[in-house]
PDB file of N, CA and C in Angstrom:
ATOM      1  N   UNK A   1      -3.579 -99.837 167.857  1.00  0.00           N
ATOM      2  CA  UNK A   1      -4.080 -98.912 168.852  1.00  0.00           C
ATOM      3  C   UNK A   1      -4.717 -97.730 168.139  1.00  0.00           C
ATOM      4  N   UNK A   2      -5.712 -97.166 168.782  1.00  0.00           N
ATOM      5  CA  UNK A   2      -6.378 -95.976 168.277  1.00  0.00           C
ATOM      6  C   UNK A   2      -6.470 -94.978 169.424  1.00  0.00           C
ATOM      7  N   UNK A   3      -6.331 -93.674 169.115  1.00  0.00           N
ATOM      8  CA  UNK A   3      -6.361 -92.608 170.118  1.00  0.00           C
ATOM      9  C   UNK A   3      -7.684 -91.851 170.011  1.00  0.00           C
ATOM     10  N   UNK A   4      -8.273 -91.539 171.177  1.00  0.00           N
ATOM     11  CA  UNK A   4      -9.549 -90.820 171.250  1.00  0.00           C
ATOM     12  C   UNK A   4      -9.441 -89.631 172.205  1.00  0.00           C
ATOM     13  N   UNK A   5     -10.243 -88.602 171.941  1.00  0.00           N
ATOM     14  CA  UNK A   5     -10.373 -87.473 172.863  1.00  0.00           C
ATOM     15  C   UNK A   5     -11.117 -87.964 174.102  1.00  0.00           C
ATOM     16  N   UNK A   6     -10.556 -87.708 175.256  1.00  0.00           N
ATOM     17  CA  UNK A   6     -11.184 -88.159 176.496  1.00  0.00           C
ATOM     18  C   UNK A   6     -12.494 -87.414 176.776  1.00  0.00           C
ATOM     19  N   UNK A   7     -12.585 -86.151 176.368  1.00  0.00           N
ATOM     20  CA  UNK A   7     -13.766 -85.341 176.675  1.00  0.00           C
ATOM     21  C   UNK A   7     -14.982 -85.684 175.814  1.00  0.00           C
ATOM     22  N   UNK A   8     -14.759 -85.995 174.520  1.00  0.00           N
ATOM     23  CA  UNK A   8     -15.913 -86.193 173.633  1.00  0.00           C
ATOM     24  C   UNK A   8     -15.879 -87.515 172.857  1.00  0.00           C
ATOM     25  N   UNK A   9     -14.843 -88.290 173.042  1.00  0.00           N
ATOM     26  CA  UNK A   9     -14.708 -89.618 172.434  1.00  0.00           C
ATOM     27  C   UNK A   9     -14.520 -89.588 170.914  1.00  0.00           C
ATOM     28  N   UNK A  10     -14.097 -88.459 170.385  1.00  0.00           N
ATOM     29  CA  UNK A  10     -13.794 -88.361 168.960  1.00  0.00           C
ATOM     30  C   UNK A  10     -12.509 -89.128 168.666  1.00  0.00           C
ATOM     31  N   UNK A  11     -12.506 -89.928 167.606  1.00  0.00           N
ATOM     32  CA  UNK A  11     -11.284 -90.621 167.185  1.00  0.00           C
ATOM     33  C   UNK A  11     -10.281 -89.592 166.668  1.00  0.00           C
ATOM     34  N   UNK A  12      -9.037 -89.707 167.115  1.00  0.00           N
ATOM     35  CA  UNK A  12      -7.993 -88.761 166.722  1.00  0.00           C
ATOM     36  C   UNK A  12      -6.941 -89.378 165.815  1.00  0.00           C
ATOM     37  N   UNK A  13      -6.979 -90.709 165.677  1.00  0.00           N
ATOM     38  CA  UNK A  13      -6.057 -91.413 164.787  1.00  0.00           C
ATOM     39  C   UNK A  13      -6.782 -92.585 164.135  1.00  0.00           C
ATOM     40  N   UNK A  14      -6.252 -93.061 163.021  1.00  0.00           N
ATOM     41  CA  UNK A  14      -6.698 -94.362 162.531  1.00  0.00           C
ATOM     42  C   UNK A  14      -6.014 -95.428 163.395  1.00  0.00           C
ATOM     43  N   UNK A  15      -6.219 -96.686 163.096  1.00  0.00           N
ATOM     44  CA  UNK A  15      -5.506 -97.756 163.805  1.00  0.00           C
ATOM     45  C   UNK A  15      -4.010 -97.601 163.542  1.00  0.00           C
ATOM     46  N   UNK A  16      -3.227 -97.655 164.597  1.00  0.00           N
ATOM     47  CA  UNK A  16      -1.772 -97.511 164.502  1.00  0.00           C
ATOM     48  C   UNK A  16      -1.082 -98.711 165.133  1.00  0.00           C
ATOM     49  N   UNK A  17       0.101 -99.011 164.662  1.00  0.00           N
ATOM     50  CA  UNK A  17       0.922-100.087 165.227  1.00  0.00           C
ATOM     51  C   UNK A  17       2.047 -99.476 166.043  1.00  0.00           C
ATOM     52  N   UNK A  18       2.473-100.183 167.087  1.00  0.00           N
ATOM     53  CA  UNK A  18       3.579 -99.722 167.912  1.00  0.00           C
ATOM     54  C   UNK A  18       4.887 -99.866 167.147  1.00  0.00           C
ATOM     55  N   UNK A  19       5.711 -98.843 167.164  1.00  0.00           N
ATOM     56  CA  UNK A  19       7.027 -98.885 166.534  1.00  0.00           C
ATOM     57  C   UNK A  19       7.952 -99.680 167.447  1.00  0.00           C
ATOM     58  N   UNK A  20       8.397-100.855 167.023  1.00  0.00           N
ATOM     59  CA  UNK A  20       9.083-101.772 167.940  1.00  0.00           C
ATOM     60  C   UNK A  20      10.522-101.410 168.304  1.00  0.00           C
ATOM     61  N   UNK A  21      11.174-100.572 167.510  1.00  0.00           N
ATOM     62  CA  UNK A  21      12.589-100.295 167.763  1.00  0.00           C
ATOM     63  C   UNK A  21      12.867 -98.798 167.749  1.00  0.00           C
ATOM     64  N   UNK A  22      13.568 -98.305 168.756  1.00  0.00           N
ATOM     65  CA  UNK A  22      13.936 -96.887 168.810  1.00  0.00           C
ATOM     66  C   UNK A  22      14.783 -96.500 167.605  1.00  0.00           C
ATOM     67  N   UNK A  23      15.502 -97.453 167.056  1.00  0.00           N
ATOM     68  CA  UNK A  23      16.362 -97.159 165.900  1.00  0.00           C
ATOM     69  C   UNK A  23      15.549 -96.758 164.669  1.00  0.00           C
ATOM     70  N   UNK A  24      14.242 -96.999 164.693  1.00  0.00           N
ATOM     71  CA  UNK A  24      13.386 -96.620 163.564  1.00  0.00           C
ATOM     72  C   UNK A  24      12.855 -95.194 163.686  1.00  0.00           C
ATOM     73  N   UNK A  25      13.134 -94.524 164.812  1.00  0.00           N
ATOM     74  CA  UNK A  25      12.771 -93.111 164.931  1.00  0.00           C
ATOM     75  C   UNK A  25      13.843 -92.283 164.223  1.00  0.00           C
ATOM     76  N   UNK A  26      13.508 -91.045 163.895  1.00  0.00           N
ATOM     77  CA  UNK A  26      14.419 -90.179 163.148  1.00  0.00           C
ATOM     78  C   UNK A  26      14.478 -88.819 163.836  1.00  0.00           C
ATOM     79  N   UNK A  27      15.623 -88.431 164.326  1.00  0.00           N
ATOM     80  CA  UNK A  27      15.761 -87.153 165.020  1.00  0.00           C
ATOM     81  C   UNK A  27      16.317 -86.050 164.125  1.00  0.00           C
ATOM     82  N   UNK A  28      16.285 -86.258 162.807  1.00  0.00           N
ATOM     83  CA  UNK A  28      16.750 -85.230 161.870  1.00  0.00           C
ATOM     84  C   UNK A  28      15.785 -84.055 161.859  1.00  0.00           C
ATOM     85  N   UNK A  29      16.338 -82.851 161.762  1.00  0.00           N
ATOM     86  CA  UNK A  29      15.513 -81.643 161.655  1.00  0.00           C
ATOM     87  C   UNK A  29      14.678 -81.679 160.379  1.00  0.00           C
ATOM     88  N   UNK A  30      13.449 -81.175 160.493  1.00  0.00           N
ATOM     89  CA  UNK A  30      12.555 -80.984 159.353  1.00  0.00           C
ATOM     90  C   UNK A  30      12.155 -82.289 158.663  1.00  0.00           C
ATOM     91  N   UNK A  31      12.200 -83.412 159.416  1.00  0.00           N
ATOM     92  CA  UNK A  31      11.826 -84.722 158.901  1.00  0.00           C
ATOM     93  C   UNK A  31      10.854 -85.376 159.870  1.00  0.00           C
ATOM     94  N   UNK A  32      10.015 -86.311 159.412  1.00  0.00           N
ATOM     95  CA  UNK A  32       9.129 -87.022 160.331  1.00  0.00           C
ATOM     96  C   UNK A  32       9.926 -87.815 161.374  1.00  0.00           C
ATOM     97  N   UNK A  33       9.492 -87.739 162.625  1.00  0.00           N
ATOM     98  CA  UNK A  33      10.153 -88.447 163.714  1.00  0.00           C
ATOM     99  C   UNK A  33       9.956 -89.953 163.616  1.00  0.00           C
ATOM    100  N   UNK A  34       8.783 -90.380 163.125  1.00  0.00           N
ATOM    101  CA  UNK A  34       8.540 -91.811 162.963  1.00  0.00           C
ATOM    102  C   UNK A  34       7.720 -92.044 161.711  1.00  0.00           C
ATOM    103  N   UNK A  35       7.732 -93.272 161.205  1.00  0.00           N
ATOM    104  CA  UNK A  35       6.981 -93.563 159.975  1.00  0.00           C
ATOM    105  C   UNK A  35       5.473 -93.430 160.179  1.00  0.00           C
ATOM    106  N   UNK A  36       4.792 -93.092 159.108  1.00  0.00           N
ATOM    107  CA  UNK A  36       3.333 -93.013 159.150  1.00  0.00           C
ATOM    108  C   UNK A  36       2.759 -94.392 159.440  1.00  0.00           C
ATOM    109  N   UNK A  37       1.667 -94.422 160.240  1.00  0.00           N
ATOM    110  CA  UNK A  37       1.009 -95.673 160.574  1.00  0.00           C
ATOM    111  C   UNK A  37       1.471 -96.285 161.881  1.00  0.00           C
ATOM    112  N   UNK A  38       2.405 -95.616 162.561  1.00  0.00           N
ATOM    113  CA  UNK A  38       2.955 -96.121 163.827  1.00  0.00           C
ATOM    114  C   UNK A  38       2.792 -95.102 164.942  1.00  0.00           C
ATOM    115  N   UNK A  39       2.899 -95.579 166.172  1.00  0.00           N
ATOM    116  CA  UNK A  39       2.966 -94.688 167.327  1.00  0.00           C
ATOM    117  C   UNK A  39       4.168 -95.071 168.170  1.00  0.00           C
ATOM    118  N   UNK A  40       4.570 -94.152 169.019  1.00  0.00           N
ATOM    119  CA  UNK A  40       5.720 -94.327 169.900  1.00  0.00           C
ATOM    120  C   UNK A  40       5.348 -93.730 171.248  1.00  0.00           C
ATOM    121  N   UNK A  41       5.870 -94.267 172.311  1.00  0.00           N
ATOM    122  CA  UNK A  41       5.701 -93.644 173.628  1.00  0.00           C
ATOM    123  C   UNK A  41       6.980 -92.874 173.909  1.00  0.00           C
ATOM    124  N   UNK A  42       6.852 -91.573 174.041  1.00  0.00           N
ATOM    125  CA  UNK A  42       8.026 -90.704 174.203  1.00  0.00           C
ATOM    126  C   UNK A  42       8.810 -91.059 175.457  1.00  0.00           C
ATOM    127  N   UNK A  43      10.130 -91.055 175.308  1.00  0.00           N
ATOM    128  CA  UNK A  43      11.012 -91.219 176.462  1.00  0.00           C
ATOM    129  C   UNK A  43      11.501 -89.861 176.961  1.00  0.00           C
ATOM    130  N   UNK A  44      11.070 -88.779 176.313  1.00  0.00           N
ATOM    131  CA  UNK A  44      11.422 -87.429 176.719  1.00  0.00           C
ATOM    132  C   UNK A  44      12.792 -86.978 176.261  1.00  0.00           C
ATOM    133  N   UNK A  45      13.508 -87.804 175.520  1.00  0.00           N
ATOM    134  CA  UNK A  45      14.862 -87.437 175.084  1.00  0.00           C
ATOM    135  C   UNK A  45      14.845 -86.489 173.885  1.00  0.00           C
ATOM    136  N   UNK A  46      14.077 -86.812 172.875  1.00  0.00           N
ATOM    137  CA  UNK A  46      14.045 -85.974 171.672  1.00  0.00           C
ATOM    138  C   UNK A  46      13.173 -84.736 171.885  1.00  0.00           C
ATOM    139  N   UNK A  47      12.034 -84.925 172.488  1.00  0.00           N
ATOM    140  CA  UNK A  47      11.108 -83.823 172.768  1.00  0.00           C
ATOM    141  C   UNK A  47      11.043 -83.667 174.284  1.00  0.00           C
ATOM    142  N   UNK A  48      11.680 -82.641 174.801  1.00  0.00           N
ATOM    143  CA  UNK A  48      11.798 -82.439 176.252  1.00  0.00           C
ATOM    144  C   UNK A  48      10.439 -82.378 176.940  1.00  0.00           C
ATOM    145  N   UNK A  49      10.381 -82.931 178.134  1.00  0.00           N
ATOM    146  CA  UNK A  49       9.179 -82.893 178.988  1.00  0.00           C
ATOM    147  C   UNK A  49       7.969 -83.596 178.386  1.00  0.00           C
ATOM    148  N   UNK A  50       8.203 -84.618 177.568  1.00  0.00           N
ATOM    149  CA  UNK A  50       7.088 -85.348 176.966  1.00  0.00           C
ATOM    150  C   UNK A  50       7.114 -86.837 177.331  1.00  0.00           C
ATOM    151  N   UNK A  51       7.921 -87.217 178.260  1.00  0.00           N
ATOM    152  CA  UNK A  51       8.035 -88.625 178.629  1.00  0.00           C
ATOM    153  C   UNK A  51       6.691 -89.258 178.948  1.00  0.00           C
ATOM    154  N   UNK A  52       6.454 -90.450 178.406  1.00  0.00           N
ATOM    155  CA  UNK A  52       5.224 -91.181 178.662  1.00  0.00           C
ATOM    156  C   UNK A  52       4.056 -90.811 177.768  1.00  0.00           C
ATOM    157  N   UNK A  53       4.228 -89.846 176.894  1.00  0.00           N
ATOM    158  CA  UNK A  53       3.134 -89.418 176.015  1.00  0.00           C
ATOM    159  C   UNK A  53       3.167 -90.142 174.679  1.00  0.00           C
ATOM    160  N   UNK A  54       2.001 -90.283 174.069  1.00  0.00           N
ATOM    161  CA  UNK A  54       1.878 -90.926 172.761  1.00  0.00           C
ATOM    162  C   UNK A  54       2.333 -89.956 171.669  1.00  0.00           C
ATOM    163  N   UNK A  55       3.202 -90.451 170.786  1.00  0.00           N
ATOM    164  CA  UNK A  55       3.735 -89.685 169.659  1.00  0.00           C
ATOM    165  C   UNK A  55       3.289 -90.362 168.365  1.00  0.00           C
ATOM    166  N   UNK A  56       2.851 -89.557 167.386  1.00  0.00           N
ATOM    167  CA  UNK A  56       2.453 -90.100 166.089  1.00  0.00           C
ATOM    168  C   UNK A  56       3.011 -89.228 164.961  1.00  0.00           C
ATOM    169  N   UNK A  57       2.924 -89.753 163.754  1.00  0.00           N
ATOM    170  CA  UNK A  57       3.267 -89.011 162.543  1.00  0.00           C
ATOM    171  C   UNK A  57       2.190 -87.941 162.345  1.00  0.00           C
ATOM    172  N   UNK A  58       2.578 -86.778 161.873  1.00  0.00           N
ATOM    173  CA  UNK A  58       1.627 -85.679 161.675  1.00  0.00           C
ATOM    174  C   UNK A  58       0.462 -86.085 160.773  1.00  0.00           C
ATOM    175  N   UNK A  59       0.735 -86.866 159.738  1.00  0.00           N
ATOM    176  CA  UNK A  59      -0.323 -87.245 158.796  1.00  0.00           C
ATOM    177  C   UNK A  59      -1.283 -88.293 159.348  1.00  0.00           C
ATOM    178  N   UNK A  60      -1.004 -88.827 160.541  1.00  0.00           N
ATOM    179  CA  UNK A  60      -1.921 -89.787 161.161  1.00  0.00           C
ATOM    180  C   UNK A  60      -2.938 -89.117 162.086  1.00  0.00           C
ATOM    181  N   UNK A  61      -2.865 -87.810 162.246  1.00  0.00           N
ATOM    182  CA  UNK A  61      -3.807 -87.090 163.097  1.00  0.00           C
ATOM    183  C   UNK A  61      -5.081 -86.797 162.308  1.00  0.00           C
ATOM    184  N   UNK A  62      -6.235 -87.160 162.866  1.00  0.00           N
ATOM    185  CA  UNK A  62      -7.520 -86.926 162.196  1.00  0.00           C
ATOM    186  C   UNK A  62      -8.483 -86.204 163.135  1.00  0.00           C
ATOM    187  N   UNK A  63      -9.514 -85.625 162.567  1.00  0.00           N
ATOM    188  CA  UNK A  63     -10.594 -84.961 163.323  1.00  0.00           C
ATOM    189  C   UNK A  63     -10.082 -83.885 164.270  1.00  0.00           C
ATOM    190  N   UNK A  64      -9.089 -83.141 163.819  1.00  0.00           N
ATOM    191  CA  UNK A  64      -8.540 -82.040 164.619  1.00  0.00           C
ATOM    192  C   UNK A  64      -8.322 -80.818 163.742  1.00  0.00           C
ATOM    193  N   UNK A  65      -8.016 -79.731 164.402  1.00  0.00           N
ATOM    194  CA  UNK A  65      -7.642 -78.495 163.715  1.00  0.00           C
ATOM    195  C   UNK A  65      -6.638 -77.763 164.593  1.00  0.00           C
ATOM    196  N   UNK A  66      -6.025 -76.764 164.039  1.00  0.00           N
ATOM    197  CA  UNK A  66      -5.086 -75.962 164.817  1.00  0.00           C
ATOM    198  C   UNK A  66      -5.857 -75.089 165.803  1.00  0.00           C
ATOM    199  N   UNK A  67      -5.216 -74.798 166.908  1.00  0.00           N
ATOM    200  CA  UNK A  67      -5.800 -73.972 167.972  1.00  0.00           C
ATOM    201  C   UNK A  67      -6.117 -72.583 167.424  1.00  0.00           C
ATOM    202  N   UNK A  68      -7.140 -71.946 167.937  1.00  0.00           N
ATOM    203  CA  UNK A  68      -7.513 -70.600 167.482  1.00  0.00           C
ATOM    204  C   UNK A  68      -6.644 -69.509 168.097  1.00  0.00           C
ATOM    205  N   UNK A  69      -5.897 -69.822 169.135  1.00  0.00           N
ATOM    206  CA  UNK A  69      -5.014 -68.849 169.785  1.00  0.00           C
ATOM    207  C   UNK A  69      -3.692 -68.789 169.027  1.00  0.00           C
ATOM    208  N   UNK A  70      -3.390 -67.677 168.340  1.00  0.00           N
ATOM    209  CA  UNK A  70      -2.165 -67.582 167.547  1.00  0.00           C
ATOM    210  C   UNK A  70      -0.887 -67.737 168.381  1.00  0.00           C
ATOM    211  N   UNK A  71      -0.954 -67.455 169.664  1.00  0.00           N
ATOM    212  CA  UNK A  71       0.209 -67.630 170.539  1.00  0.00           C
ATOM    213  C   UNK A  71       0.656 -69.090 170.577  1.00  0.00           C
ATOM    214  N   UNK A  72      -0.285 -70.014 170.431  1.00  0.00           N
ATOM    215  CA  UNK A  72       0.030 -71.446 170.472  1.00  0.00           C
ATOM    216  C   UNK A  72       0.689 -71.936 169.188  1.00  0.00           C
ATOM    217  N   UNK A  73       0.634 -71.127 168.129  1.00  0.00           N
ATOM    218  CA  UNK A  73       1.087 -71.563 166.812  1.00  0.00           C
ATOM    219  C   UNK A  73       2.424 -70.966 166.401  1.00  0.00           C
ATOM    220  N   UNK A  74       3.172 -70.450 167.354  1.00  0.00           N
ATOM    221  CA  UNK A  74       4.428 -69.795 167.038  1.00  0.00           C
ATOM    222  C   UNK A  74       5.492 -70.779 166.569  1.00  0.00           C
ATOM    223  N   UNK A  75       6.385 -70.260 165.735  1.00  0.00           N
ATOM    224  CA  UNK A  75       7.499 -71.028 165.224  1.00  0.00           C
ATOM    225  C   UNK A  75       8.184 -70.248 164.129  1.00  0.00           C
ATOM    226  N   UNK A  76       9.212 -70.826 163.584  1.00  0.00           N
ATOM    227  CA  UNK A  76       9.989 -70.194 162.517  1.00  0.00           C
ATOM    228  C   UNK A  76       9.361 -70.516 161.162  1.00  0.00           C
ATOM    229  N   UNK A  77       9.474 -71.764 160.765  1.00  0.00           N
ATOM    230  CA  UNK A  77       8.940 -72.224 159.471  1.00  0.00           C
ATOM    231  C   UNK A  77       7.749 -73.156 159.655  1.00  0.00           C
ATOM    232  N   UNK A  78       7.418 -73.444 160.891  1.00  0.00           N
ATOM    233  CA  UNK A  78       6.313 -74.327 161.227  1.00  0.00           C
ATOM    234  C   UNK A  78       5.863 -74.000 162.640  1.00  0.00           C
ATOM    235  N   UNK A  79       5.410 -74.978 163.374  1.00  0.00           N
ATOM    236  CA  UNK A  79       4.960 -74.778 164.749  1.00  0.00           C
ATOM    237  C   UNK A  79       5.944 -75.463 165.687  1.00  0.00           C
ATOM    238  N   UNK A  80       6.406 -74.727 166.700  1.00  0.00           N
ATOM    239  CA  UNK A  80       7.438 -75.273 167.584  1.00  0.00           C
ATOM    240  C   UNK A  80       6.891 -76.190 168.673  1.00  0.00           C
ATOM    241  N   UNK A  81       5.613 -76.038 169.030  1.00  0.00           N
ATOM    242  CA  UNK A  81       5.049 -76.852 170.099  1.00  0.00           C
ATOM    243  C   UNK A  81       5.455 -76.390 171.485  1.00  0.00           C
ATOM    244  N   UNK A  82       6.083 -75.237 171.564  1.00  0.00           N
ATOM    245  CA  UNK A  82       6.630 -74.744 172.837  1.00  0.00           C
ATOM    246  C   UNK A  82       5.673 -73.876 173.644  1.00  0.00           C
ATOM    247  N   UNK A  83       4.467 -73.631 173.139  1.00  0.00           N
ATOM    248  CA  UNK A  83       3.570 -72.674 173.784  1.00  0.00           C
ATOM    249  C   UNK A  83       2.242 -73.282 174.205  1.00  0.00           C
ATOM    250  N   UNK A  84       2.250 -74.539 174.556  1.00  0.00           N
ATOM    251  CA  UNK A  84       1.039 -75.217 175.000  1.00  0.00           C
ATOM    252  C   UNK A  84       0.388 -75.983 173.869  1.00  0.00           C
ATOM    253  N   UNK A  85      -0.611 -76.781 174.189  1.00  0.00           N
ATOM    254  CA  UNK A  85      -1.282 -77.582 173.169  1.00  0.00           C
ATOM    255  C   UNK A  85      -1.774 -76.701 172.024  1.00  0.00           C
ATOM    256  N   UNK A  86      -1.489 -77.119 170.797  1.00  0.00           N
ATOM    257  CA  UNK A  86      -1.860 -76.302 169.646  1.00  0.00           C
ATOM    258  C   UNK A  86      -2.788 -77.021 168.674  1.00  0.00           C
ATOM    259  N   UNK A  87      -3.212 -78.244 169.034  1.00  0.00           N
ATOM    260  CA  UNK A  87      -4.181 -78.980 168.219  1.00  0.00           C
ATOM    261  C   UNK A  87      -5.405 -79.281 169.077  1.00  0.00           C
ATOM    262  N   UNK A  88      -6.581 -79.048 168.493  1.00  0.00           N
ATOM    263  CA  UNK A  88      -7.832 -79.298 169.201  1.00  0.00           C
ATOM    264  C   UNK A  88      -8.672 -80.268 168.371  1.00  0.00           C
ATOM    265  N   UNK A  89      -9.497 -81.044 169.064  1.00  0.00           N
ATOM    266  CA  UNK A  89     -10.386 -81.955 168.337  1.00  0.00           C
ATOM    267  C   UNK A  89     -11.522 -81.131 167.720  1.00  0.00           C
ATOM    268  N   UNK A  90     -12.339 -81.788 166.928  1.00  0.00           N
ATOM    269  CA  UNK A  90     -13.420 -81.068 166.236  1.00  0.00           C
ATOM    270  C   UNK A  90     -14.474 -80.517 167.189  1.00  0.00           C
ATOM    271  N   UNK A  91     -14.437 -80.953 168.448  1.00  0.00           N
ATOM    272  CA  UNK A  91     -15.339 -80.414 169.463  1.00  0.00           C
ATOM    273  C   UNK A  91     -14.650 -79.355 170.338  1.00  0.00           C
ATOM    274  N   UNK A  92     -13.468 -78.904 169.917  1.00  0.00           N
ATOM    275  CA  UNK A  92     -12.734 -77.798 170.546  1.00  0.00           C
ATOM    276  C   UNK A  92     -11.963 -78.161 171.822  1.00  0.00           C
ATOM    277  N   UNK A  93     -11.673 -79.426 172.066  1.00  0.00           N
ATOM    278  CA  UNK A  93     -10.897 -79.817 173.248  1.00  0.00           C
ATOM    279  C   UNK A  93      -9.414 -79.877 172.897  1.00  0.00           C
ATOM    280  N   UNK A  94      -8.566 -79.309 173.746  1.00  0.00           N
ATOM    281  CA  UNK A  94      -7.121 -79.357 173.524  1.00  0.00           C
ATOM    282  C   UNK A  94      -6.639 -80.793 173.701  1.00  0.00           C
ATOM    283  N   UNK A  95      -6.007 -81.349 172.660  1.00  0.00           N
ATOM    284  CA  UNK A  95      -5.630 -82.765 172.711  1.00  0.00           C
ATOM    285  C   UNK A  95      -4.152 -83.041 172.451  1.00  0.00           C
ATOM    286  N   UNK A  96      -3.456 -82.145 171.752  1.00  0.00           N
ATOM    287  CA  UNK A  96      -2.092 -82.477 171.345  1.00  0.00           C
ATOM    288  C   UNK A  96      -1.293 -81.230 170.995  1.00  0.00           C
ATOM    289  N   UNK A  97      -0.008 -81.458 170.777  1.00  0.00           N
ATOM    290  CA  UNK A  97       0.870 -80.413 170.259  1.00  0.00           C
ATOM    291  C   UNK A  97       1.525 -80.898 168.980  1.00  0.00           C
ATOM    292  N   UNK A  98       1.494 -80.038 167.993  1.00  0.00           N
ATOM    293  CA  UNK A  98       2.185 -80.296 166.733  1.00  0.00           C
ATOM    294  C   UNK A  98       3.594 -79.728 166.845  1.00  0.00           C
ATOM    295  N   UNK A  99       4.559 -80.509 166.477  1.00  0.00           N
ATOM    296  CA  UNK A  99       5.957 -80.086 166.404  1.00  0.00           C
ATOM    297  C   UNK A  99       6.336 -80.177 164.934  1.00  0.00           C
ATOM    298  N   UNK A 100       6.404 -79.038 164.241  1.00  0.00           N
ATOM    299  CA  UNK A 100       6.654 -79.058 162.805  1.00  0.00           C
ATOM    300  C   UNK A 100       7.591 -77.952 162.345  1.00  0.00           C
ATOM    301  N   UNK A 101       8.385 -77.415 163.254  1.00  0.00           N
ATOM    302  CA  UNK A 101       9.303 -76.351 162.881  1.00  0.00           C
ATOM    303  C   UNK A 101      10.529 -76.916 162.171  1.00  0.00           C
ATOM    304  N   UNK A 102      11.254 -76.063 161.477  1.00  0.00           N
ATOM    305  CA  UNK A 102      12.384 -76.505 160.659  1.00  0.00           C
ATOM    306  C   UNK A 102      13.579 -76.993 161.480  1.00  0.00           C
ATOM    307  N   UNK A 103      13.662 -76.633 162.736  1.00  0.00           N
ATOM    308  CA  UNK A 103      14.825 -76.981 163.557  1.00  0.00           C
ATOM    309  C   UNK A 103      14.583 -78.201 164.455  1.00  0.00           C
ATOM    310  N   UNK A 104      13.603 -79.014 164.098  1.00  0.00           N
ATOM    311  CA  UNK A 104      13.266 -80.182 164.927  1.00  0.00           C
ATOM    312  C   UNK A 104      12.656 -81.279 164.074  1.00  0.00           C
ATOM    313  N   UNK A 105      12.643 -82.512 164.589  1.00  0.00           N
ATOM    314  CA  UNK A 105      11.877 -83.557 163.908  1.00  0.00           C
ATOM    315  C   UNK A 105      10.383 -83.246 164.032  1.00  0.00           C
ATOM    316  N   UNK A 106       9.599 -83.718 163.083  1.00  0.00           N
ATOM    317  CA  UNK A 106       8.162 -83.419 163.060  1.00  0.00           C
ATOM    318  C   UNK A 106       7.357 -84.557 163.680  1.00  0.00           C
ATOM    319  N   UNK A 107       6.386 -84.183 164.521  1.00  0.00           N
ATOM    320  CA  UNK A 107       5.540 -85.175 165.190  1.00  0.00           C
ATOM    321  C   UNK A 107       4.337 -84.492 165.813  1.00  0.00           C
ATOM    322  N   UNK A 108       3.369 -85.311 166.187  1.00  0.00           N
ATOM    323  CA  UNK A 108       2.250 -84.898 167.034  1.00  0.00           C
ATOM    324  C   UNK A 108       2.450 -85.613 168.357  1.00  0.00           C
ATOM    325  N   UNK A 109       2.354 -84.870 169.452  1.00  0.00           N
ATOM    326  CA  UNK A 109       2.478 -85.468 170.780  1.00  0.00           C
ATOM    327  C   UNK A 109       1.219 -85.124 171.570  1.00  0.00           C
ATOM    328  N   UNK A 110       0.526 -86.169 171.996  1.00  0.00           N
ATOM    329  CA  UNK A 110      -0.742 -85.991 172.692  1.00  0.00           C
ATOM    330  C   UNK A 110      -0.538 -85.576 174.143  1.00  0.00           C
ATOM    331  N   UNK A 111      -1.488 -84.791 174.639  1.00  0.00           N
ATOM    332  CA  UNK A 111      -1.525 -84.437 176.050  1.00  0.00           C
ATOM    333  C   UNK A 111      -1.953 -85.678 176.829  1.00  0.00           C
ATOM    334  N   UNK A 112      -1.230 -85.978 177.875  1.00  0.00           N
ATOM    335  CA  UNK A 112      -1.455 -87.222 178.617  1.00  0.00           C
ATOM    336  C   UNK A 112      -2.880 -87.363 179.147  1.00  0.00           C
ATOM    337  N   UNK A 113      -3.437 -86.315 179.719  1.00  0.00           N
ATOM    338  CA  UNK A 113      -4.749 -86.393 180.358  1.00  0.00           C
ATOM    339  C   UNK A 113      -5.908 -86.019 179.434  1.00  0.00           C
ATOM    340  N   UNK A 114      -5.618 -85.783 178.148  1.00  0.00           N
ATOM    341  CA  UNK A 114      -6.664 -85.371 177.215  1.00  0.00           C
ATOM    342  C   UNK A 114      -7.133 -86.506 176.322  1.00  0.00           C
ATOM    343  N   UNK A 115      -6.485 -87.659 176.403  1.00  0.00           N
ATOM    344  CA  UNK A 115      -6.803 -88.755 175.487  1.00  0.00           C
ATOM    345  C   UNK A 115      -6.950 -90.066 176.222  1.00  0.00           C
ATOM    346  N   UNK A 116      -7.493 -91.037 175.514  1.00  0.00           N
ATOM    347  CA  UNK A 116      -7.426 -92.433 175.950  1.00  0.00           C
ATOM    348  C   UNK A 116      -7.167 -93.256 174.702  1.00  0.00           C
ATOM    349  N   UNK A 117      -6.678 -94.457 174.894  1.00  0.00           N
ATOM    350  CA  UNK A 117      -6.367 -95.325 173.765  1.00  0.00           C
ATOM    351  C   UNK A 117      -7.110 -96.653 173.899  1.00  0.00           C
ATOM    352  N   UNK A 118      -7.349 -97.255 172.757  1.00  0.00           N
ATOM    353  CA  UNK A 118      -7.929 -98.601 172.716  1.00  0.00           C
ATOM    354  C   UNK A 118      -7.022 -99.435 171.826  1.00  0.00           C
ATOM    355  N   UNK A 119      -6.574-100.563 172.376  1.00  0.00           N
ATOM    356  CA  UNK A 119      -5.739-101.474 171.601  1.00  0.00           C
ATOM    357  C   UNK A 119      -6.626-102.423 170.818  1.00  0.00           C
ATOM    358  N   UNK A 120      -6.226-102.686 169.595  1.00  0.00           N
ATOM    359  CA  UNK A 120      -6.971-103.610 168.723  1.00  0.00           C
ATOM    360  C   UNK A 120      -6.136-104.820 168.420  1.00  0.00           C
TER     361      UNK A 120
END
């Protein structure tokens, strides 16, 4: 599967494979939530209010940058993801939230209505 910005059709990930088992996710603080090269559909348990959204490893996000609004980038040692979408595509569309603070697992979680996916 590959993720694209719905507004401008920019690719936001390389080809990714579905992570087949929940046991392969990692809820340890300050660690990647899932292995690089995979995606997961959030059940909302680890990251509150994200059920049904596509989750990826931070290093699998491409053609994006951090939001220009510093309020969106708050956190302790990283970005908490608690203040609205904080990642934008190269055409400036809000597409995802980075969760990279020290007190949580690290991941990118896409906004449901900002993306579309194509399965390969």
